[in-house]
Amino acid sequence: MEEYEIVIRGWFSERWVQGDVTSEVARLPTGETVICVAVPDQSALYGILTKVRDMNVTLIRVSRRGNPEAGS
């Protein structure tokens, strides 16, 4: 599993991140939502990003968590 942090504009709940991913959702006072997901592969990550696009939500940032050099 690879972990990613996705930051979007607006406040969202965990309900919309479903399927074969584990997630942690934090709503920031700035009006942004940070979603941390562990996905089994790139296609699962693209599925989440497609959902963001389809909802017409502003994607602020996607970043890999952990140390890629260590394989985490």
PDB file of N, CA and C in Angstrom:
ATOM      1  N   MET A   1       0.846  -1.191   0.000  1.00  0.00           N
ATOM      2  CA  MET A   1       0.000   0.000   0.000  1.00  0.00           C
ATOM      3  C   MET A   1       0.883   1.244   0.000  1.00  0.00           C
ATOM      4  N   GLU A   2       0.471   2.209  -0.751  1.00  0.00           N
ATOM      5  CA  GLU A   2       1.150   3.498  -0.760  1.00  0.00           C
ATOM      6  C   GLU A   2       0.209   4.533  -0.177  1.00  0.00           C
ATOM      7  N   GLU A   3       0.759   5.457   0.588  1.00  0.00           N
ATOM      8  CA  GLU A   3      -0.059   6.484   1.231  1.00  0.00           C
ATOM      9  C   GLU A   3       0.113   7.827   0.526  1.00  0.00           C
ATOM     10  N   TYR A   4      -1.026   8.504   0.336  1.00  0.00           N
ATOM     11  CA  TYR A   4      -1.039   9.812  -0.300  1.00  0.00           C
ATOM     12  C   TYR A   4      -1.871  10.779   0.523  1.00  0.00           C
ATOM     13  N   GLU A   5      -1.519  12.043   0.404  1.00  0.00           N
ATOM     14  CA  GLU A   5      -2.287  13.122   1.016  1.00  0.00           C
ATOM     15  C   GLU A   5      -2.879  13.945  -0.115  1.00  0.00           C
ATOM     16  N   ILE A   6      -4.203  14.083  -0.086  1.00  0.00           N
ATOM     17  CA  ILE A   6      -4.922  14.838  -1.109  1.00  0.00           C
ATOM     18  C   ILE A   6      -5.581  16.026  -0.420  1.00  0.00           C
ATOM     19  N   VAL A   7      -5.322  17.226  -0.922  1.00  0.00           N
ATOM     20  CA  VAL A   7      -5.913  18.433  -0.350  1.00  0.00           C
ATOM     21  C   VAL A   7      -6.865  19.022  -1.385  1.00  0.00           C
ATOM     22  N   ILE A   8      -8.119  19.243  -0.954  1.00  0.00           N
ATOM     23  CA  ILE A   8      -9.123  19.813  -1.838  1.00  0.00           C
ATOM     24  C   ILE A   8      -9.775  21.019  -1.177  1.00  0.00           C
ATOM     25  N   ARG A   9     -10.342  21.891  -2.001  1.00  0.00           N
ATOM     26  CA  ARG A   9     -11.045  23.067  -1.486  1.00  0.00           C
ATOM     27  C   ARG A   9     -12.457  22.653  -1.099  1.00  0.00           C
ATOM     28  N   GLY A  10     -12.884  23.052   0.077  1.00  0.00           N
ATOM     29  CA  GLY A  10     -14.212  22.709   0.584  1.00  0.00           C
ATOM     30  C   GLY A  10     -14.106  21.656   1.669  1.00  0.00           C
ATOM     31  N   TRP A  11     -15.212  21.447   2.361  1.00  0.00           N
ATOM     32  CA  TRP A  11     -15.243  20.458   3.440  1.00  0.00           C
ATOM     33  C   TRP A  11     -16.010  19.233   2.993  1.00  0.00           C
ATOM     34  N   PHE A  12     -15.380  18.078   3.135  1.00  0.00           N
ATOM     35  CA  PHE A  12     -15.980  16.823   2.724  1.00  0.00           C
ATOM     36  C   PHE A  12     -15.851  15.800   3.838  1.00  0.00           C
ATOM     37  N   SER A  13     -16.722  14.819   3.831  1.00  0.00           N
ATOM     38  CA  SER A  13     -16.684  13.766   4.840  1.00  0.00           C
ATOM     39  C   SER A  13     -15.990  12.533   4.278  1.00  0.00           C
ATOM     40  N   GLU A  14     -15.767  11.563   5.148  1.00  0.00           N
ATOM     41  CA  GLU A  14     -15.132  10.312   4.735  1.00  0.00           C
ATOM     42  C   GLU A  14     -16.023   9.505   3.806  1.00  0.00           C
ATOM     43  N   ARG A  15     -17.301   9.750   3.815  1.00  0.00           N
ATOM     44  CA  ARG A  15     -18.244   8.932   3.048  1.00  0.00           C
ATOM     45  C   ARG A  15     -17.936   8.875   1.564  1.00  0.00           C
ATOM     46  N   TRP A  16     -17.414   9.948   0.994  1.00  0.00           N
ATOM     47  CA  TRP A  16     -17.208   9.927  -0.454  1.00  0.00           C
ATOM     48  C   TRP A  16     -15.932   9.203  -0.853  1.00  0.00           C
ATOM     49  N   VAL A  17     -15.045   8.897   0.110  1.00  0.00           N
ATOM     50  CA  VAL A  17     -13.855   8.093  -0.193  1.00  0.00           C
ATOM     51  C   VAL A  17     -14.193   6.665   0.212  1.00  0.00           C
ATOM     52  N   GLN A  18     -14.598   5.874  -0.770  1.00  0.00           N
ATOM     53  CA  GLN A  18     -15.013   4.504  -0.501  1.00  0.00           C
ATOM     54  C   GLN A  18     -14.281   3.550  -1.414  1.00  0.00           C
ATOM     55  N   GLY A  19     -14.437   2.281  -1.164  1.00  0.00           N
ATOM     56  CA  GLY A  19     -13.815   1.274  -2.010  1.00  0.00           C
ATOM     57  C   GLY A  19     -12.648   0.624  -1.300  1.00  0.00           C
ATOM     58  N   ASP A  20     -11.621   0.289  -2.044  1.00  0.00           N
ATOM     59  CA  ASP A  20     -10.479  -0.452  -1.512  1.00  0.00           C
ATOM     60  C   ASP A  20      -9.388   0.472  -0.990  1.00  0.00           C
ATOM     61  N   VAL A  21      -9.773   1.515  -0.276  1.00  0.00           N
ATOM     62  CA  VAL A  21      -8.788   2.426   0.290  1.00  0.00           C
ATOM     63  C   VAL A  21      -9.114   2.648   1.761  1.00  0.00           C
ATOM     64  N   THR A  22      -8.099   2.936   2.528  1.00  0.00           N
ATOM     65  CA  THR A  22      -8.335   3.377   3.895  1.00  0.00           C
ATOM     66  C   THR A  22      -8.122   4.875   3.892  1.00  0.00           C
ATOM     67  N   SER A  23      -8.876   5.569   4.702  1.00  0.00           N
ATOM     68  CA  SER A  23      -8.776   7.016   4.649  1.00  0.00           C
ATOM     69  C   SER A  23      -8.859   7.654   6.020  1.00  0.00           C
ATOM     70  N   GLU A  24      -8.323   8.838   6.076  1.00  0.00           N
ATOM     71  CA  GLU A  24      -8.384   9.701   7.253  1.00  0.00           C
ATOM     72  C   GLU A  24      -8.695  11.087   6.700  1.00  0.00           C
ATOM     73  N   VAL A  25      -9.696  11.741   7.247  1.00  0.00           N
ATOM     74  CA  VAL A  25     -10.130  13.027   6.722  1.00  0.00           C
ATOM     75  C   VAL A  25     -10.005  14.089   7.804  1.00  0.00           C
ATOM     76  N   ALA A  26      -9.414  15.227   7.450  1.00  0.00           N
ATOM     77  CA  ALA A  26      -9.300  16.366   8.380  1.00  0.00           C
ATOM     78  C   ALA A  26      -9.791  17.617   7.675  1.00  0.00           C
ATOM     79  N   ARG A  27     -10.686  18.314   8.346  1.00  0.00           N
ATOM     80  CA  ARG A  27     -11.186  19.586   7.802  1.00  0.00           C
ATOM     81  C   ARG A  27     -10.408  20.721   8.450  1.00  0.00           C
ATOM     82  N   LEU A  28      -9.824  21.558   7.618  1.00  0.00           N
ATOM     83  CA  LEU A  28      -9.009  22.669   8.108  1.00  0.00           C
ATOM     84  C   LEU A  28      -9.846  23.931   8.253  1.00  0.00           C
ATOM     85  N   PRO A  29      -9.466  24.823   9.167  1.00  0.00           N
ATOM     86  CA  PRO A  29     -10.195  26.073   9.331  1.00  0.00           C
ATOM     87  C   PRO A  29     -10.139  26.965   8.087  1.00  0.00           C
ATOM     88  N   THR A  30      -9.241  26.658   7.170  1.00  0.00           N
ATOM     89  CA  THR A  30      -9.096  27.436   5.938  1.00  0.00           C
ATOM     90  C   THR A  30     -10.162  27.077   4.901  1.00  0.00           C
ATOM     91  N   GLY A  31     -11.007  26.091   5.229  1.00  0.00           N
ATOM     92  CA  GLY A  31     -12.028  25.668   4.284  1.00  0.00           C
ATOM     93  C   GLY A  31     -11.552  24.583   3.345  1.00  0.00           C
ATOM     94  N   GLU A  32     -10.450  23.942   3.659  1.00  0.00           N
ATOM     95  CA  GLU A  32      -9.906  22.861   2.849  1.00  0.00           C
ATOM     96  C   GLU A  32     -10.078  21.544   3.596  1.00  0.00           C
ATOM     97  N   THR A  33     -10.076  20.471   2.846  1.00  0.00           N
ATOM     98  CA  THR A  33     -10.134  19.132   3.421  1.00  0.00           C
ATOM     99  C   THR A  33      -8.865  18.391   3.031  1.00  0.00           C
ATOM    100  N   VAL A  34      -8.229  17.755   4.013  1.00  0.00           N
ATOM    101  CA  VAL A  34      -7.055  16.920   3.767  1.00  0.00           C
ATOM    102  C   VAL A  34      -7.503  15.472   3.907  1.00  0.00           C
ATOM    103  N   ILE A  35      -7.287  14.701   2.856  1.00  0.00           N
ATOM    104  CA  ILE A  35      -7.665  13.291   2.850  1.00  0.00           C
ATOM    105  C   ILE A  35      -6.389  12.471   2.725  1.00  0.00           C
ATOM    106  N   CYS A  36      -6.149  11.625   3.697  1.00  0.00           N
ATOM    107  CA  CYS A  36      -4.993  10.730   3.656  1.00  0.00           C
ATOM    108  C   CYS A  36      -5.510   9.347   3.292  1.00  0.00           C
ATOM    109  N   VAL A  37      -4.984   8.787   2.225  1.00  0.00           N
ATOM    110  CA  VAL A  37      -5.448   7.488   1.743  1.00  0.00           C
ATOM    111  C   VAL A  37      -4.288   6.527   1.582  1.00  0.00           C
ATOM    112  N   ALA A  38      -4.565   5.260   1.806  1.00  0.00           N
ATOM    113  CA  ALA A  38      -3.611   4.191   1.513  1.00  0.00           C
ATOM    114  C   ALA A  38      -4.242   3.381   0.389  1.00  0.00           C
ATOM    115  N   VAL A  39      -3.607   3.387  -0.747  1.00  0.00           N
ATOM    116  CA  VAL A  39      -4.160   2.717  -1.929  1.00  0.00           C
ATOM    117  C   VAL A  39      -3.266   1.548  -2.326  1.00  0.00           C
ATOM    118  N   PRO A  40      -3.881   0.493  -2.848  1.00  0.00           N
ATOM    119  CA  PRO A  40      -3.090  -0.677  -3.232  1.00  0.00           C
ATOM    120  C   PRO A  40      -2.267  -0.472  -4.501  1.00  0.00           C
ATOM    121  N   ASP A  41      -2.735   0.456  -5.361  1.00  0.00           N
ATOM    122  CA  ASP A  41      -2.022   0.670  -6.624  1.00  0.00           C
ATOM    123  C   ASP A  41      -2.406   2.023  -7.218  1.00  0.00           C
ATOM    124  N   GLN A  42      -1.748   2.371  -8.315  1.00  0.00           N
ATOM    125  CA  GLN A  42      -1.987   3.662  -8.958  1.00  0.00           C
ATOM    126  C   GLN A  42      -3.409   3.789  -9.496  1.00  0.00           C
ATOM    127  N   SER A  43      -3.997   2.706  -9.946  1.00  0.00           N
ATOM    128  CA  SER A  43      -5.352   2.805 -10.491  1.00  0.00           C
ATOM    129  C   SER A  43      -6.347   3.213  -9.403  1.00  0.00           C
ATOM    130  N   ALA A  44      -6.136   2.776  -8.167  1.00  0.00           N
ATOM    131  CA  ALA A  44      -7.013   3.189  -7.062  1.00  0.00           C
ATOM    132  C   ALA A  44      -6.851   4.677  -6.786  1.00  0.00           C
ATOM    133  N   LEU A  45      -5.620   5.173  -6.849  1.00  0.00           N
ATOM    134  CA  LEU A  45      -5.377   6.607  -6.662  1.00  0.00           C
ATOM    135  C   LEU A  45      -6.051   7.402  -7.770  1.00  0.00           C
ATOM    136  N   TYR A  46      -5.906   6.946  -9.014  1.00  0.00           N
ATOM    137  CA  TYR A  46      -6.543   7.638 -10.137  1.00  0.00           C
ATOM    138  C   TYR A  46      -8.067   7.619 -10.000  1.00  0.00           C
ATOM    139  N   GLY A  47      -8.613   6.545  -9.431  1.00  0.00           N
ATOM    140  CA  GLY A  47     -10.047   6.479  -9.203  1.00  0.00           C
ATOM    141  C   GLY A  47     -10.520   7.576  -8.260  1.00  0.00           C
ATOM    142  N   ILE A  48      -9.746   7.823  -7.204  1.00  0.00           N
ATOM    143  CA  ILE A  48     -10.086   8.898  -6.264  1.00  0.00           C
ATOM    144  C   ILE A  48      -9.964  10.251  -6.946  1.00  0.00           C
ATOM    145  N   LEU A  49      -8.894  10.445  -7.702  1.00  0.00           N
ATOM    146  CA  LEU A  49      -8.701  11.720  -8.393  1.00  0.00           C
ATOM    147  C   LEU A  49      -9.775  11.952  -9.458  1.00  0.00           C
ATOM    148  N   THR A  50     -10.232  10.893 -10.092  1.00  0.00           N
ATOM    149  CA  THR A  50     -11.326  11.009 -11.054  1.00  0.00           C
ATOM    150  C   THR A  50     -12.602  11.450 -10.352  1.00  0.00           C
ATOM    151  N   LYS A  51     -12.833  10.913  -9.163  1.00  0.00           N
ATOM    152  CA  LYS A  51     -14.012  11.309  -8.384  1.00  0.00           C
ATOM    153  C   LYS A  51     -13.951  12.791  -8.024  1.00  0.00           C
ATOM    154  N   VAL A  52     -12.757  13.271  -7.642  1.00  0.00           N
ATOM    155  CA  VAL A  52     -12.572  14.697  -7.347  1.00  0.00           C
ATOM    156  C   VAL A  52     -12.909  15.520  -8.589  1.00  0.00           C
ATOM    157  N   ARG A  53     -12.392  15.106  -9.733  1.00  0.00           N
ATOM    158  CA  ARG A  53     -12.669  15.819 -10.984  1.00  0.00           C
ATOM    159  C   ARG A  53     -14.160  15.813 -11.317  1.00  0.00           C
ATOM    160  N   ASP A  54     -14.782  14.650 -11.195  1.00  0.00           N
ATOM    161  CA  ASP A  54     -16.197  14.515 -11.537  1.00  0.00           C
ATOM    162  C   ASP A  54     -17.104  15.337 -10.617  1.00  0.00           C
ATOM    163  N   MET A  55     -16.662  15.570  -9.382  1.00  0.00           N
ATOM    164  CA  MET A  55     -17.441  16.379  -8.444  1.00  0.00           C
ATOM    165  C   MET A  55     -17.205  17.867  -8.660  1.00  0.00           C
ATOM    166  N   ASN A  56     -16.321  18.194  -9.608  1.00  0.00           N
ATOM    167  CA  ASN A  56     -15.983  19.586  -9.898  1.00  0.00           C
ATOM    168  C   ASN A  56     -15.423  20.293  -8.662  1.00  0.00           C
ATOM    169  N   VAL A  57     -14.568  19.562  -7.949  1.00  0.00           N
ATOM    170  CA  VAL A  57     -13.932  20.075  -6.739  1.00  0.00           C
ATOM    171  C   VAL A  57     -12.536  20.564  -7.106  1.00  0.00           C
ATOM    172  N   THR A  58     -12.098  21.638  -6.482  1.00  0.00           N
ATOM    173  CA  THR A  58     -10.765  22.163  -6.749  1.00  0.00           C
ATOM    174  C   THR A  58      -9.719  21.328  -6.022  1.00  0.00           C
ATOM    175  N   LEU A  59      -8.845  20.712  -6.785  1.00  0.00           N
ATOM    176  CA  LEU A  59      -7.740  19.928  -6.250  1.00  0.00           C
ATOM    177  C   LEU A  59      -6.585  20.875  -5.980  1.00  0.00           C
ATOM    178  N   ILE A  60      -6.126  20.918  -4.751  1.00  0.00           N
ATOM    179  CA  ILE A  60      -5.041  21.821  -4.385  1.00  0.00           C
ATOM    180  C   ILE A  60      -3.687  21.118  -4.456  1.00  0.00           C
ATOM    181  N   ARG A  61      -3.641  19.893  -3.917  1.00  0.00           N
ATOM    182  CA  ARG A  61      -2.341  19.203  -3.893  1.00  0.00           C
ATOM    183  C   ARG A  61      -2.537  17.700  -3.709  1.00  0.00           C
ATOM    184  N   VAL A  62      -1.668  16.923  -4.338  1.00  0.00           N
ATOM    185  CA  VAL A  62      -1.560  15.490  -4.092  1.00  0.00           C
ATOM    186  C   VAL A  62      -0.091  15.224  -3.809  1.00  0.00           C
ATOM    187  N   SER A  63       0.191  14.591  -2.678  1.00  0.00           N
ATOM    188  CA  SER A  63       1.589  14.279  -2.371  1.00  0.00           C
ATOM    189  C   SER A  63       1.683  12.908  -1.714  1.00  0.00           C
ATOM    190  N   ARG A  64       2.770  12.241  -1.992  1.00  0.00           N
ATOM    191  CA  ARG A  64       3.021  10.929  -1.407  1.00  0.00           C
ATOM    192  C   ARG A  64       3.522  11.118   0.008  1.00  0.00           C
ATOM    193  N   ARG A  65       2.998  10.323   0.920  1.00  0.00           N
ATOM    194  CA  ARG A  65       3.430  10.387   2.311  1.00  0.00           C
ATOM    195  C   ARG A  65       4.551   9.383   2.541  1.00  0.00           C
ATOM    196  N   GLY A  66       5.362   9.656   3.529  1.00  0.00           N
ATOM    197  CA  GLY A  66       6.438   8.739   3.837  1.00  0.00           C
ATOM    198  C   GLY A  66       7.667   9.003   3.001  1.00  0.00           C
ATOM    199  N   ASN A  67       8.613   8.106   3.082  1.00  0.00           N
ATOM    200  CA  ASN A  67       9.880   8.239   2.376  1.00  0.00           C
ATOM    201  C   ASN A  67       9.877   7.287   1.189  1.00  0.00           C
ATOM    202  N   PRO A  68       9.717   7.799  -0.048  1.00  0.00           N
ATOM    203  CA  PRO A  68       9.691   6.912  -1.217  1.00  0.00           C
ATOM    204  C   PRO A  68      10.968   6.093  -1.369  1.00  0.00           C
ATOM    205  N   GLU A  69      12.085   6.604  -0.905  1.00  0.00           N
ATOM    206  CA  GLU A  69      13.358   5.888  -1.001  1.00  0.00           C
ATOM    207  C   GLU A  69      13.353   4.626  -0.136  1.00  0.00           C
ATOM    208  N   ALA A  70      12.594   4.682   0.974  1.00  0.00           N
ATOM    209  CA  ALA A  70      12.549   3.539   1.898  1.00  0.00           C
ATOM    210  C   ALA A  70      11.464   2.552   1.517  1.00  0.00           C
ATOM    211  N   GLY A  71      10.688   2.886   0.468  1.00  0.00           N
ATOM    212  CA  GLY A  71       9.634   1.991   0.035  1.00  0.00           C
ATOM    213  C   GLY A  71       8.392   2.044   0.883  1.00  0.00           C
ATOM    214  N   SER A  72       8.194   3.128   1.631  1.00  0.00           N
ATOM    215  CA  SER A  72       7.012   3.237   2.488  1.00  0.00           C
ATOM    216  C   SER A  72       5.853   3.848   1.743  1.00  0.00           C
TER     217      SER A  72
END
